[in-house]
Amino acid sequence: MLQELSVKNFAIISSLQLEFQMGMTVLTGETGAGKSIIIDAMSLLTGGRGSSDYIRQGASKCTLEGLFTMPKNQELYNLLHELGIEMDEESIVIQRDISTSGKNVCRVNGRIINIANLRKVGEFLVDIHGQNEHQELMQSEKHLGMLDDFGGKELLKIKERYEELYSEYRMIEKKVRNRQKNEKEFAQRMDMLQFQSDEIASAELVLGEEEQLIEERNKLGNFQKIADALATSYEAVNGESESSLDKIGYAMNELLSIETLDPEYKAISEAFQNSYYLLQEASGDLSRHIDSLELDENRLNEVETRLELIRQMKRKYGESIESILDYYQEITRELADADFLEGRTGELESLLVEKRNQVIENGLKLRTIRKKIAKKLEKNILRELKELYMERTVFDIRFTELAEEQITEEGLDQVEFYITTNPGEPLKPLVRVASGGELSRVMLALKTIFSKSQGITSIVFDEVDTGVSGRVAQAIADKIYQISENSQVLCITHLPQVAAVADYQYFIEKEIIGERTETKVRRLNQDERVAEIARMLSGSEITKLTIEHAKELLNMAGNERKSR
């Protein structure tokens, strides 16, 4: 349930903090006082569509925050875990900021989430019921979803299996159609891929090959320069006349004869020894390289030709040999799949027929369970409508079987609610014959039924009692209170009968503060409730009679609660 609601700089509310209890709470006040603003705030807090238009004039952003009791619902726990939200077993905190730039920042227990995920979380916490839900009742395509909601777990497993089979069926059907529709394009693409595959394969590319070829080309292209440098260097070190190596050897021997006489001579002697042996080793390396040098002009041409091939392949298929080989693997797989599918065209068509038969078989099972549930829902609705003074109503849930090519992921049927409220009159679609007051009662009957099974923690009714009066108004009041026995109920109302049965009543009014209009909300005590209900009964002029009538309504409601 909703424990606390905090609103800042929202519409004509500068700052407001409300606490709510379990049971039934009504929000009353003059028309235009801002009652619906409270509901708008709750809607935004649970993922409703928002915009910068909600921000109070002169403010840079509005902030909404709600503290909810954590429902004992495993699906909600799984969702929060999936979103990485830390959970408190007792409560959940939602905050939403809307800035003038249109940016929305939503947080659940301090973690930022997007609006779509906020809406998913909000569906477990609050069910806001108002004119939009009347509209849903007036859309026949929504009736199937309402029936399925009533079916609950009894229906869910069969429906999930049907949806799984239907998805597989459509996937196979898409493959078959693509093959039939694009056979020419498909063949052309396969020819192109085969050519590319053959060209890359014939190139026999090897990772690291290009770098090695470039190095080899540099050596072959600079053969004379390398040969001259090696020969000159070797001659300088090991010439026929007295060589550099011999001279360093003479110096080394002379220093060896005096190195024991002084530590500094020893250091110099060791330096000459190291130099002599290093130079001797380098001389040997020079000799080996000179002996191995051989100019192969044909090899240089081969290297240049190979590098040019690699360049062309890179221009066509990738920036490097590695990316070319990756592309080769990709098209090889596609060609293999194409060969596989080409051999499976007949098999796919057979599989499509088999899968369609499975869809129809499971759709028929779904139809059977839905019709069973529909009978149960019809009885429940008629029972609730009887308590709302529509005891002579006939309510029927009708199924229209779809042609095979019309079946959808919802099933093999369309469902529509039919009703007649006048004896002797034929049943007609609810969307065409129900009045506003009748729609309110049908909707309230559905809500009463669903509140017992769905476990929503808070239900909000936004002026659902429009268009009714007298004993019907009292019946609606009793029905809303009945719902509050299973869920927390918040209700905006203009009916004194509804206000009287509530456990708690808040009064919403406008005030002019510093030439600015602000909405204020305060909880009424018993005497204030009497005065407010009297105002609702008579309008602006409150008489002793309306005061007595208001007290009577409150007393009757109190006695009714005690008798439950």
Protein backbone atom coordinates (compact mmCIF):
# COMPACT_ATOMS: atom_id res chain seq x y z
CA MET A 1 0.00 0.00 0.00
CA LEU A 2 0.97 3.67 -0.34
CA GLN A 3 2.23 4.95 3.01
CA GLU A 4 3.48 8.43 2.11
CA LEU A 5 3.26 10.74 -0.89
CA SER A 6 5.53 13.78 -1.27
CA VAL A 7 4.97 16.34 -4.06
CA LYS A 8 7.07 19.45 -4.79
CA ASN A 9 6.54 22.09 -7.50
CA PHE A 10 3.91 20.02 -9.27
CA ALA A 11 1.16 21.93 -11.13
CA ILE A 12 -0.35 24.28 -8.51
CA ILE A 13 1.21 22.39 -5.59
CA SER A 14 4.36 23.99 -4.19
CA SER A 15 4.94 21.41 -1.47
CA LEU A 16 2.74 18.66 -0.10
CA GLN A 17 3.29 15.58 2.04
CA LEU A 18 0.51 13.11 2.79
CA GLU A 19 0.33 9.96 4.88
CA PHE A 20 -2.14 7.20 4.05
CA GLN A 21 -3.46 4.20 5.94
CA MET A 22 -4.86 0.81 5.01
CA GLY A 23 -8.57 0.81 4.27
CA MET A 24 -10.58 3.38 2.33
CA THR A 25 -9.54 7.02 1.99
CA VAL A 26 -11.59 9.62 0.10
CA LEU A 27 -10.41 12.91 -1.35
CA THR A 28 -13.15 15.55 -1.58
CA GLY A 29 -13.36 19.26 -2.34
CA GLU A 30 -14.82 21.82 -4.68
CA THR A 31 -14.61 21.25 -8.42
CA GLY A 32 -11.27 22.57 -9.71
CA ALA A 33 -9.58 22.43 -6.30
CA GLY A 34 -6.92 20.05 -7.63
CA LYS A 35 -8.16 16.61 -6.55
CA SER A 36 -7.09 15.02 -9.82
CA ILE A 37 -3.62 16.53 -9.46
CA ILE A 38 -2.99 14.10 -6.59
CA ILE A 39 -3.97 11.20 -8.85
CA ASP A 40 -1.80 12.58 -11.66
CA ALA A 41 1.15 12.62 -9.26
CA MET A 42 0.55 8.98 -8.32
CA SER A 43 0.24 8.05 -12.00
CA LEU A 44 3.59 9.67 -12.84
CA LEU A 45 5.19 8.08 -9.82
CA THR A 46 4.28 4.63 -11.11
CA GLY A 47 5.37 5.13 -14.72
CA GLY A 48 2.70 7.34 -16.31
CA ARG A 49 3.56 9.62 -19.20
CA GLY A 50 4.89 12.98 -18.02
CA SER A 51 6.10 16.27 -19.46
CA SER A 52 7.52 19.61 -18.36
CA ASP A 53 3.95 21.01 -18.42
CA TYR A 54 3.48 19.51 -14.95
CA ILE A 55 6.21 21.73 -13.42
CA ARG A 56 4.97 24.60 -11.28
CA GLN A 57 5.48 28.00 -12.92
CA GLY A 58 8.88 29.44 -11.98
CA ALA A 59 10.42 26.13 -10.81
CA SER A 60 13.20 24.30 -12.64
CA LYS A 61 11.83 20.83 -11.85
CA CYS A 62 9.15 18.95 -9.97
CA THR A 63 9.84 16.06 -7.61
CA LEU A 64 7.47 13.23 -6.71
CA GLU A 65 8.26 10.64 -4.07
CA GLY A 66 6.28 7.72 -2.70
CA LEU A 67 6.85 5.23 0.09
CA PHE A 68 5.06 1.92 -0.44
CA THR A 69 4.70 -1.20 1.64
CA MET A 70 6.61 -3.97 -0.11
CA PRO A 71 4.05 -6.46 -1.47
CA LYS A 72 4.66 -10.16 -0.91
CA ASN A 73 4.80 -10.89 -4.62
CA GLN A 74 7.47 -13.16 -6.08
CA GLU A 75 7.12 -11.65 -9.57
CA LEU A 76 7.92 -8.20 -8.17
CA TYR A 77 10.90 -9.61 -6.25
CA ASN A 78 12.18 -11.21 -9.46
CA LEU A 79 11.74 -7.96 -11.40
CA LEU A 80 13.59 -5.89 -8.79
CA HIS A 81 16.40 -8.45 -8.72
CA GLU A 82 16.61 -8.39 -12.52
CA LEU A 83 16.86 -4.58 -12.47
CA GLY A 84 19.61 -4.69 -9.83
CA ILE A 85 17.49 -2.90 -7.22
CA GLU A 86 18.30 -3.54 -3.57
CA MET A 87 15.21 -4.77 -1.75
CA ASP A 88 13.84 -3.97 1.67
CA GLU A 89 11.38 -6.58 2.92
CA GLU A 90 9.18 -3.87 4.43
CA SER A 91 9.11 -0.94 1.99
CA ILE A 92 9.97 0.39 -1.46
CA VAL A 93 10.73 4.04 -2.27
CA ILE A 94 10.05 5.54 -5.70
CA GLN A 95 11.21 9.02 -6.76
CA ARG A 96 10.71 10.81 -10.07
CA ASP A 97 12.11 14.20 -11.09
CA ILE A 98 10.90 16.04 -14.20
CA SER A 99 12.96 19.04 -15.35
CA THR A 100 11.98 21.92 -17.62
CA SER A 101 14.20 20.40 -20.32
CA GLY A 102 11.85 17.41 -20.38
CA LYS A 103 14.41 15.09 -18.77
CA ASN A 104 12.99 12.44 -16.43
CA VAL A 105 15.04 10.81 -13.68
CA CYS A 106 13.36 7.82 -12.01
CA ARG A 107 14.71 6.01 -8.96
CA VAL A 108 13.55 2.89 -7.14
CA ASN A 109 15.25 2.40 -3.78
CA GLY A 110 17.88 4.89 -4.95
CA ARG A 111 18.72 3.10 -8.23
CA ILE A 112 18.08 4.97 -11.48
CA ILE A 113 15.83 3.11 -13.94
CA ASN A 114 14.03 4.08 -17.15
CA ILE A 115 10.32 4.90 -17.37
CA ALA A 116 9.44 1.58 -19.00
CA ASN A 117 10.87 -0.34 -16.04
CA LEU A 118 9.28 2.11 -13.59
CA ARG A 119 5.94 1.29 -15.20
CA LYS A 120 6.62 -2.44 -14.73
CA VAL A 121 7.31 -1.90 -11.03
CA GLY A 122 4.32 0.44 -10.65
CA GLU A 123 1.91 -2.18 -12.00
CA PHE A 124 2.51 -4.24 -8.85
CA LEU A 125 1.86 -1.28 -6.53
CA VAL A 126 -0.99 0.91 -7.77
CA ASP A 127 -4.01 0.41 -10.01
CA ILE A 128 -5.43 3.79 -11.02
CA HIS A 129 -8.99 3.46 -12.21
CA GLY A 130 -10.69 6.36 -13.94
CA GLN A 131 -12.04 7.52 -17.26
CA ASN A 132 -9.28 5.72 -19.17
CA GLU A 133 -10.52 2.42 -17.81
CA HIS A 134 -14.05 3.29 -18.93
CA GLN A 135 -12.49 3.75 -22.34
CA GLU A 136 -10.91 0.28 -22.12
CA LEU A 137 -14.31 -1.17 -21.30
CA MET A 138 -15.61 0.59 -24.41
CA GLN A 139 -12.96 -1.05 -26.61
CA SER A 140 -14.08 -4.55 -27.49
CA GLU A 141 -10.52 -5.59 -28.36
CA LYS A 142 -9.63 -5.16 -24.66
CA HIS A 143 -12.28 -7.63 -23.46
CA LEU A 144 -10.18 -10.72 -24.18
CA GLY A 145 -7.38 -9.38 -21.96
CA MET A 146 -9.89 -8.78 -19.14
CA LEU A 147 -11.14 -12.35 -19.43
CA ASP A 148 -7.57 -13.68 -19.35
CA ASP A 149 -6.80 -11.54 -16.29
CA PHE A 150 -9.70 -13.18 -14.51
CA GLY A 151 -8.49 -16.62 -15.62
CA GLY A 152 -5.26 -16.17 -13.66
CA LYS A 153 -2.96 -19.18 -13.17
CA GLU A 154 -5.61 -21.62 -14.42
CA LEU A 155 -5.30 -20.05 -17.86
CA LEU A 156 -1.72 -18.79 -17.82
CA LYS A 157 0.12 -22.07 -18.48
CA ILE A 158 -2.04 -22.99 -21.49
CA LYS A 159 -1.81 -19.43 -22.86
CA GLU A 160 1.99 -19.34 -22.52
CA ARG A 161 2.28 -22.66 -24.38
CA TYR A 162 0.04 -21.35 -27.17
CA GLU A 163 2.08 -18.12 -27.46
CA GLU A 164 5.30 -20.15 -27.63
CA LEU A 165 3.96 -22.36 -30.44
CA TYR A 166 2.50 -19.36 -32.29
CA SER A 167 5.85 -17.56 -32.16
CA GLU A 168 7.63 -20.65 -33.56
CA TYR A 169 4.97 -20.97 -36.27
CA ARG A 170 5.37 -17.36 -37.39
CA MET A 171 9.17 -17.68 -37.40
CA ILE A 172 9.05 -20.74 -39.69
CA GLU A 173 6.40 -19.11 -41.87
CA LYS A 174 8.65 -16.06 -42.30
CA LYS A 175 11.53 -18.27 -43.42
CA VAL A 176 9.36 -20.08 -45.96
CA ARG A 177 7.93 -16.82 -47.31
CA ASN A 178 11.35 -15.23 -47.57
CA ARG A 179 12.58 -18.23 -49.53
CA GLN A 180 9.61 -18.08 -51.87
CA LYS A 181 9.63 -14.31 -52.29
CA ASN A 182 13.32 -13.74 -52.67
CA GLU A 183 14.52 -16.85 -54.47
CA LYS A 184 16.17 -14.85 -57.28
CA GLU A 185 17.87 -12.40 -54.91
CA PHE A 186 18.86 -15.30 -52.70
CA ALA A 187 20.45 -17.16 -55.61
CA GLN A 188 22.31 -14.06 -56.77
CA ARG A 189 23.65 -13.46 -53.28
CA MET A 190 24.74 -17.06 -52.93
CA ASP A 191 26.60 -16.82 -56.29
CA MET A 192 28.36 -13.68 -55.13
CA LEU A 193 29.30 -15.20 -51.79
CA GLN A 194 30.57 -18.34 -53.50
CA PHE A 195 32.79 -16.25 -55.80
CA GLN A 196 34.13 -14.29 -52.82
CA SER A 197 34.72 -17.47 -50.86
CA ASP A 198 36.64 -19.07 -53.74
CA GLU A 199 38.72 -15.93 -54.28
CA ILE A 200 39.71 -15.65 -50.62
CA ALA A 201 40.38 -19.38 -50.34
CA SER A 202 42.62 -19.38 -53.43
CA ALA A 203 44.65 -16.51 -51.98
CA GLU A 204 45.69 -18.81 -49.09
CA LEU A 205 46.27 -15.86 -46.76
CA VAL A 206 48.22 -16.44 -43.54
CA LEU A 207 48.19 -14.28 -40.43
CA GLY A 208 51.43 -12.24 -40.14
CA GLU A 209 52.35 -12.95 -43.75
CA GLU A 210 52.16 -9.34 -44.95
CA GLU A 211 54.61 -8.08 -42.33
CA GLN A 212 57.12 -10.81 -43.20
CA LEU A 213 56.84 -10.07 -46.94
CA ILE A 214 57.38 -6.34 -46.40
CA GLU A 215 60.51 -7.10 -44.38
CA GLU A 216 61.79 -9.47 -47.08
CA ARG A 217 61.06 -6.93 -49.83
CA ASN A 218 63.04 -4.27 -47.98
CA LYS A 219 66.03 -6.58 -47.79
CA LEU A 220 65.86 -7.62 -51.44
CA GLY A 221 65.37 -4.07 -52.64
CA ASN A 222 68.41 -2.84 -50.72
CA PHE A 223 70.70 -5.77 -51.54
CA GLN A 224 73.67 -3.74 -52.87
CA LYS A 225 73.53 -1.26 -50.02
CA ILE A 226 73.50 -4.10 -47.47
CA ALA A 227 76.33 -5.98 -49.25
CA ASP A 228 78.56 -2.88 -49.42
CA ALA A 229 77.97 -2.01 -45.80
CA LEU A 230 78.72 -5.53 -44.59
CA ALA A 231 81.91 -5.85 -46.72
CA THR A 232 83.28 -2.45 -45.72
CA SER A 233 82.59 -3.14 -42.08
CA TYR A 234 84.28 -6.53 -42.24
CA GLU A 235 87.32 -5.09 -44.06
CA ALA A 236 87.69 -2.43 -41.39
CA VAL A 237 87.70 -5.03 -38.66
CA ASN A 238 89.56 -7.88 -40.41
CA GLY A 239 91.54 -6.34 -43.33
CA GLU A 240 94.64 -8.02 -44.87
CA SER A 241 96.85 -5.21 -43.52
CA GLU A 242 96.92 -4.51 -39.81
CA SER A 243 93.21 -4.63 -38.77
CA SER A 244 91.27 -2.84 -36.07
CA LEU A 245 90.76 -6.12 -34.26
CA ASP A 246 94.52 -6.81 -34.26
CA LYS A 247 95.28 -3.33 -32.90
CA ILE A 248 92.77 -3.74 -30.08
CA GLY A 249 94.36 -7.16 -29.38
CA TYR A 250 97.81 -5.54 -29.10
CA ALA A 251 96.46 -2.94 -26.71
CA MET A 252 94.67 -5.61 -24.67
CA ASN A 253 97.91 -7.63 -24.25
CA GLU A 254 99.90 -4.58 -23.20
CA LEU A 255 97.30 -3.63 -20.60
CA LEU A 256 97.20 -7.18 -19.27
CA SER A 257 100.91 -6.85 -18.35
CA ILE A 258 100.28 -3.87 -16.05
CA GLU A 259 96.75 -4.45 -14.72
CA THR A 260 98.03 -5.76 -11.40
CA LEU A 261 99.90 -2.54 -10.71
CA ASP A 262 96.88 -0.27 -10.27
CA PRO A 263 93.11 -0.83 -9.93
CA GLU A 264 92.44 1.80 -12.60
CA TYR A 265 94.74 -0.05 -15.07
CA LYS A 266 92.79 -3.22 -14.32
CA ALA A 267 89.48 -1.52 -15.13
CA ILE A 268 90.86 -0.22 -18.43
CA SER A 269 92.27 -3.64 -19.24
CA GLU A 270 88.89 -5.33 -18.60
CA ALA A 271 87.15 -2.79 -20.84
CA PHE A 272 89.56 -3.58 -23.69
CA GLN A 273 89.08 -7.32 -23.14
CA ASN A 274 85.27 -6.96 -23.34
CA SER A 275 85.52 -4.80 -26.44
CA TYR A 276 87.91 -7.25 -28.12
CA TYR A 277 85.67 -10.28 -27.56
CA LEU A 278 82.49 -8.42 -28.55
CA LEU A 279 84.12 -7.13 -31.71
CA GLN A 280 85.44 -10.60 -32.46
CA GLU A 281 81.88 -12.02 -32.12
CA ALA A 282 80.44 -9.25 -34.29
CA SER A 283 83.14 -9.97 -36.91
CA GLY A 284 82.00 -13.57 -37.05
CA ASP A 285 78.38 -12.46 -37.54
CA LEU A 286 79.47 -10.16 -40.37
CA SER A 287 81.27 -13.04 -42.04
CA ARG A 288 78.23 -15.33 -41.86
CA HIS A 289 75.89 -12.69 -43.30
CA ILE A 290 78.32 -11.93 -46.15
CA ASP A 291 78.54 -15.63 -46.98
CA SER A 292 74.72 -15.99 -47.02
CA LEU A 293 74.05 -12.97 -49.19
CA GLU A 294 72.60 -13.87 -52.57
CA LEU A 295 70.61 -11.65 -54.93
CA ASP A 296 67.47 -13.43 -56.22
CA GLU A 297 65.69 -11.03 -58.57
CA ASN A 298 62.92 -13.57 -59.23
CA ARG A 299 62.16 -13.75 -55.49
CA LEU A 300 61.81 -9.96 -55.36
CA ASN A 301 59.21 -10.15 -58.14
CA GLU A 302 57.39 -12.93 -56.30
CA VAL A 303 57.26 -10.87 -53.10
CA GLU A 304 55.99 -7.77 -54.93
CA THR A 305 53.30 -9.86 -56.70
CA ARG A 306 52.17 -11.42 -53.42
CA LEU A 307 51.98 -8.05 -51.67
CA GLU A 308 49.89 -6.64 -54.53
CA LEU A 309 47.46 -9.57 -54.19
CA ILE A 310 47.16 -8.91 -50.47
CA ARG A 311 46.50 -5.21 -51.19
CA GLN A 312 43.68 -6.07 -53.59
CA MET A 313 42.12 -8.49 -51.12
CA LYS A 314 42.24 -5.84 -48.40
CA ARG A 315 40.55 -3.33 -50.70
CA LYS A 316 37.70 -5.80 -51.33
CA TYR A 317 37.22 -7.66 -48.07
CA GLY A 318 38.81 -5.96 -45.07
CA GLU A 319 41.47 -3.69 -43.62
CA SER A 320 43.76 -6.54 -42.61
CA ILE A 321 44.39 -10.23 -43.30
CA GLU A 322 42.72 -10.98 -39.96
CA SER A 323 39.50 -9.15 -40.94
CA ILE A 324 39.55 -10.83 -44.38
CA LEU A 325 39.77 -14.26 -42.75
CA ASP A 326 36.96 -13.33 -40.33
CA TYR A 327 34.78 -12.34 -43.28
CA TYR A 328 35.68 -15.61 -44.99
CA GLN A 329 34.47 -17.55 -41.94
CA GLU A 330 31.23 -15.54 -41.91
CA ILE A 331 30.35 -16.16 -45.56
CA THR A 332 31.40 -19.80 -45.28
CA ARG A 333 28.80 -20.24 -42.51
CA GLU A 334 26.16 -18.42 -44.56
CA LEU A 335 26.86 -20.61 -47.57
CA ALA A 336 26.67 -23.72 -45.41
CA ASP A 337 23.34 -22.54 -43.95
CA ALA A 338 22.10 -21.79 -47.47
CA ASP A 339 23.01 -25.27 -48.65
CA PHE A 340 21.32 -26.70 -45.58
CA LEU A 341 18.17 -24.62 -46.08
CA GLU A 342 18.08 -25.29 -49.80
CA GLY A 343 17.91 -28.96 -49.05
CA ARG A 344 15.32 -28.27 -46.37
CA THR A 345 12.81 -26.21 -48.35
CA GLY A 346 10.39 -29.11 -48.51
CA GLU A 347 11.19 -30.02 -44.92
CA LEU A 348 10.47 -26.44 -43.78
CA GLU A 349 7.11 -26.43 -45.53
CA SER A 350 6.22 -29.71 -43.86
CA LEU A 351 7.37 -28.32 -40.52
CA LEU A 352 5.20 -25.23 -41.09
CA VAL A 353 2.11 -27.40 -41.56
CA GLU A 354 2.98 -29.44 -38.47
CA LYS A 355 3.52 -26.30 -36.37
CA ARG A 356 0.26 -24.74 -37.61
CA ASN A 357 -1.60 -27.87 -36.55
CA GLN A 358 0.01 -27.63 -33.10
CA VAL A 359 -1.02 -23.97 -32.84
CA ILE A 360 -4.62 -24.81 -33.74
CA GLU A 361 -4.67 -27.79 -31.33
CA ASN A 362 -3.44 -25.65 -28.43
CA GLY A 363 -5.68 -22.77 -29.52
CA LEU A 364 -8.67 -25.07 -29.19
CA LYS A 365 -7.55 -26.01 -25.66
CA LEU A 366 -7.21 -22.29 -24.90
CA ARG A 367 -10.72 -21.67 -26.28
CA THR A 368 -12.17 -24.44 -24.08
CA ILE A 369 -10.62 -23.09 -20.87
CA ARG A 370 -11.58 -19.51 -21.78
CA LYS A 371 -15.21 -20.48 -22.30
CA LYS A 372 -15.20 -22.22 -18.94
CA ILE A 373 -13.72 -19.13 -17.28
CA ALA A 374 -16.14 -16.86 -19.18
CA LYS A 375 -19.13 -18.66 -17.62
CA LYS A 376 -17.61 -18.18 -14.20
CA LEU A 377 -16.92 -14.50 -14.87
CA GLU A 378 -20.49 -13.96 -16.15
CA LYS A 379 -21.92 -15.37 -12.89
CA ASN A 380 -19.61 -13.23 -10.76
CA ILE A 381 -20.41 -10.06 -12.69
CA LEU A 382 -24.17 -10.67 -12.48
CA ARG A 383 -23.85 -11.26 -8.72
CA GLU A 384 -21.97 -7.97 -8.29
CA LEU A 385 -24.37 -6.07 -10.58
CA LYS A 386 -27.30 -7.34 -8.55
CA GLU A 387 -25.80 -5.64 -5.49
CA LEU A 388 -25.49 -2.47 -7.60
CA TYR A 389 -29.23 -2.46 -8.45
CA MET A 390 -28.80 -3.97 -11.90
CA GLU A 391 -30.44 -7.24 -10.87
CA ARG A 392 -32.37 -7.65 -14.13
CA THR A 393 -29.27 -7.29 -16.26
CA VAL A 394 -28.25 -10.07 -18.62
CA PHE A 395 -24.49 -10.22 -19.28
CA ASP A 396 -22.93 -12.51 -21.86
CA ILE A 397 -19.34 -13.06 -23.01
CA ARG A 398 -19.41 -14.01 -26.68
CA PHE A 399 -16.73 -15.74 -28.71
CA THR A 400 -16.15 -15.23 -32.43
CA GLU A 401 -14.07 -17.95 -34.04
CA LEU A 402 -11.39 -16.58 -36.36
CA ALA A 403 -10.55 -17.97 -39.77
CA GLU A 404 -7.24 -19.81 -39.93
CA GLU A 405 -5.48 -16.90 -41.67
CA GLN A 406 -6.76 -14.48 -38.98
CA ILE A 407 -5.47 -16.23 -35.87
CA THR A 408 -3.22 -14.14 -33.66
CA GLU A 409 -0.85 -14.56 -30.75
CA GLU A 410 -3.91 -14.07 -28.52
CA GLY A 411 -5.62 -17.18 -29.81
CA LEU A 412 -8.23 -18.44 -32.25
CA ASP A 413 -11.05 -16.19 -31.02
CA GLN A 414 -12.27 -12.65 -30.51
CA VAL A 415 -14.15 -11.97 -27.29
CA GLU A 416 -16.73 -9.26 -26.69
CA PHE A 417 -18.99 -8.39 -23.75
CA TYR A 418 -22.73 -8.23 -24.51
CA ILE A 419 -25.33 -6.76 -22.17
CA THR A 420 -28.95 -5.80 -21.79
CA THR A 421 -30.26 -3.91 -18.77
CA ASN A 422 -33.89 -3.93 -19.87
CA PRO A 423 -35.93 -7.15 -19.74
CA GLY A 424 -37.18 -8.24 -23.11
CA GLU A 425 -34.54 -6.30 -25.01
CA PRO A 426 -31.98 -8.28 -27.02
CA LEU A 427 -28.37 -8.53 -25.94
CA LYS A 428 -26.16 -5.98 -27.69
CA PRO A 429 -22.45 -5.14 -27.52
CA LEU A 430 -21.59 -3.34 -24.28
CA VAL A 431 -19.62 -0.73 -26.22
CA ARG A 432 -22.79 0.42 -28.03
CA VAL A 433 -25.59 0.33 -25.47
CA ALA A 434 -24.27 1.02 -21.95
CA SER A 435 -24.81 4.45 -20.39
CA GLY A 436 -22.17 6.22 -18.29
CA GLY A 437 -23.73 5.11 -15.02
CA GLU A 438 -24.10 1.53 -16.23
CA LEU A 439 -20.49 1.48 -17.38
CA SER A 440 -19.41 2.68 -13.94
CA ARG A 441 -21.24 -0.18 -12.31
CA VAL A 442 -19.99 -2.83 -14.75
CA MET A 443 -16.45 -1.54 -14.26
CA LEU A 444 -16.88 -1.55 -10.49
CA ALA A 445 -18.20 -5.10 -10.62
CA LEU A 446 -15.09 -6.17 -12.54
CA LYS A 447 -12.82 -4.29 -10.15
CA THR A 448 -14.46 -5.94 -7.16
CA ILE A 449 -13.92 -9.37 -8.68
CA PHE A 450 -10.31 -8.69 -9.69
CA SER A 451 -9.33 -7.07 -6.39
CA LYS A 452 -9.93 -10.38 -4.63
CA SER A 453 -7.51 -12.25 -6.87
CA GLN A 454 -4.89 -9.88 -8.26
CA GLY A 455 -3.42 -8.64 -4.97
CA ILE A 456 -2.76 -5.03 -6.09
CA THR A 457 -1.74 -3.18 -2.94
CA SER A 458 -3.41 0.17 -3.78
CA ILE A 459 -6.43 0.89 -5.96
CA VAL A 460 -7.28 4.46 -6.92
CA PHE A 461 -10.77 5.42 -8.08
CA ASP A 462 -10.93 8.76 -9.88
CA GLU A 463 -14.59 9.90 -9.96
CA VAL A 464 -15.89 6.48 -11.03
CA ASP A 465 -19.25 7.33 -9.44
CA THR A 466 -20.10 9.90 -12.13
CA GLY A 467 -23.65 9.71 -13.45
CA VAL A 468 -25.27 7.93 -10.48
CA SER A 469 -27.32 9.04 -7.47
CA GLY A 470 -29.69 7.83 -4.78
CA ARG A 471 -29.67 4.17 -3.84
CA VAL A 472 -27.27 3.36 -6.70
CA ALA A 473 -24.78 5.84 -5.23
CA GLN A 474 -25.08 4.07 -1.88
CA ALA A 475 -24.58 0.70 -3.54
CA ILE A 476 -21.45 1.97 -5.29
CA ALA A 477 -20.17 3.35 -1.98
CA ASP A 478 -20.68 -0.04 -0.33
CA LYS A 479 -18.97 -1.79 -3.26
CA ILE A 480 -15.92 0.48 -3.11
CA TYR A 481 -15.69 -0.11 0.63
CA GLN A 482 -15.94 -3.85 0.00
CA ILE A 483 -12.91 -3.57 -2.30
CA SER A 484 -11.01 -1.74 0.45
CA GLU A 485 -11.31 -4.84 2.64
CA ASN A 486 -8.80 -6.55 0.32
CA SER A 487 -6.73 -3.58 -0.89
CA GLN A 488 -5.97 -0.03 0.14
CA VAL A 489 -8.42 2.24 -1.72
CA LEU A 490 -7.98 5.94 -2.50
CA CYS A 491 -11.05 7.54 -4.02
CA ILE A 492 -11.87 10.96 -5.47
CA THR A 493 -15.60 11.48 -5.19
CA HIS A 494 -18.41 14.04 -5.33
CA LEU A 495 -20.93 11.67 -3.75
CA PRO A 496 -21.64 12.11 -0.03
CA GLN A 497 -22.60 8.41 0.22
CA VAL A 498 -19.09 7.39 -0.91
CA ALA A 499 -17.37 9.92 1.35
CA ALA A 500 -19.36 8.73 4.37
CA VAL A 501 -18.32 5.07 4.16
CA ALA A 502 -14.59 5.90 4.02
CA ASP A 503 -12.27 5.23 6.94
CA TYR A 504 -10.40 8.49 6.29
CA GLN A 505 -11.28 11.72 4.50
CA TYR A 506 -8.97 14.42 3.08
CA PHE A 507 -10.22 17.83 1.99
CA ILE A 508 -8.57 19.49 -1.01
CA GLU A 509 -8.88 23.22 -1.54
CA LYS A 510 -7.22 26.13 -3.32
CA GLU A 511 -5.62 29.06 -1.51
CA ILE A 512 -4.19 32.34 -2.81
CA ILE A 513 -0.81 32.85 -1.16
CA GLY A 514 1.25 35.85 -2.26
CA GLU A 515 -0.81 36.24 -5.44
CA ARG A 516 -0.12 32.57 -6.32
CA THR A 517 -2.69 29.79 -6.34
CA GLU A 518 -1.77 26.72 -4.30
CA THR A 519 -3.54 23.44 -3.61
CA LYS A 520 -3.70 22.47 0.04
CA VAL A 521 -4.74 19.12 1.51
CA ARG A 522 -5.75 18.38 5.09
CA ARG A 523 -7.16 15.38 6.87
CA LEU A 524 -10.60 15.99 8.37
CA ASN A 525 -11.62 15.11 11.91
CA GLN A 526 -15.12 13.84 12.67
CA ASP A 527 -16.76 17.28 13.00
CA GLU A 528 -15.07 18.51 9.83
CA ARG A 529 -16.26 15.40 8.00
CA VAL A 530 -19.83 16.16 9.04
CA ALA A 531 -19.51 19.71 7.66
CA GLU A 532 -17.90 18.56 4.40
CA ILE A 533 -20.46 15.82 3.76
CA ALA A 534 -23.22 18.33 4.50
CA ARG A 535 -21.70 20.64 1.87
CA MET A 536 -21.62 17.73 -0.60
CA LEU A 537 -25.30 17.08 0.14
CA SER A 538 -26.61 20.63 -0.22
CA GLY A 539 -23.99 22.70 -2.02
CA SER A 540 -22.95 26.08 -0.64
CA GLU A 541 -25.83 26.50 1.86
CA ILE A 542 -25.56 24.16 4.82
CA THR A 543 -28.69 23.76 6.96
CA LYS A 544 -29.45 21.91 10.18
CA LEU A 545 -31.20 19.29 8.08
CA THR A 546 -28.15 18.65 5.91
CA ILE A 547 -25.99 18.49 9.05
CA GLU A 548 -28.31 15.86 10.51
CA HIS A 549 -28.35 14.00 7.20
CA ALA A 550 -24.53 14.02 7.10
CA LYS A 551 -24.34 12.67 10.66
CA GLU A 552 -26.84 9.99 9.75
CA LEU A 553 -24.78 8.92 6.73
CA LEU A 554 -21.64 8.67 8.89
CA ASN A 555 -23.43 6.77 11.62
CA MET A 556 -24.93 4.33 9.14
CA ALA A 557 -21.51 3.76 7.62
CA GLY A 558 -19.99 3.19 11.05
CA ASN A 559 -22.68 0.69 11.99
CA GLU A 560 -22.23 -1.10 8.68
CA ARG A 561 -18.48 -1.45 9.31
CA LYS A 562 -19.09 -2.85 12.77
CA SER A 563 -21.50 -5.44 11.40
CA ARG A 564 -19.03 -6.79 8.81
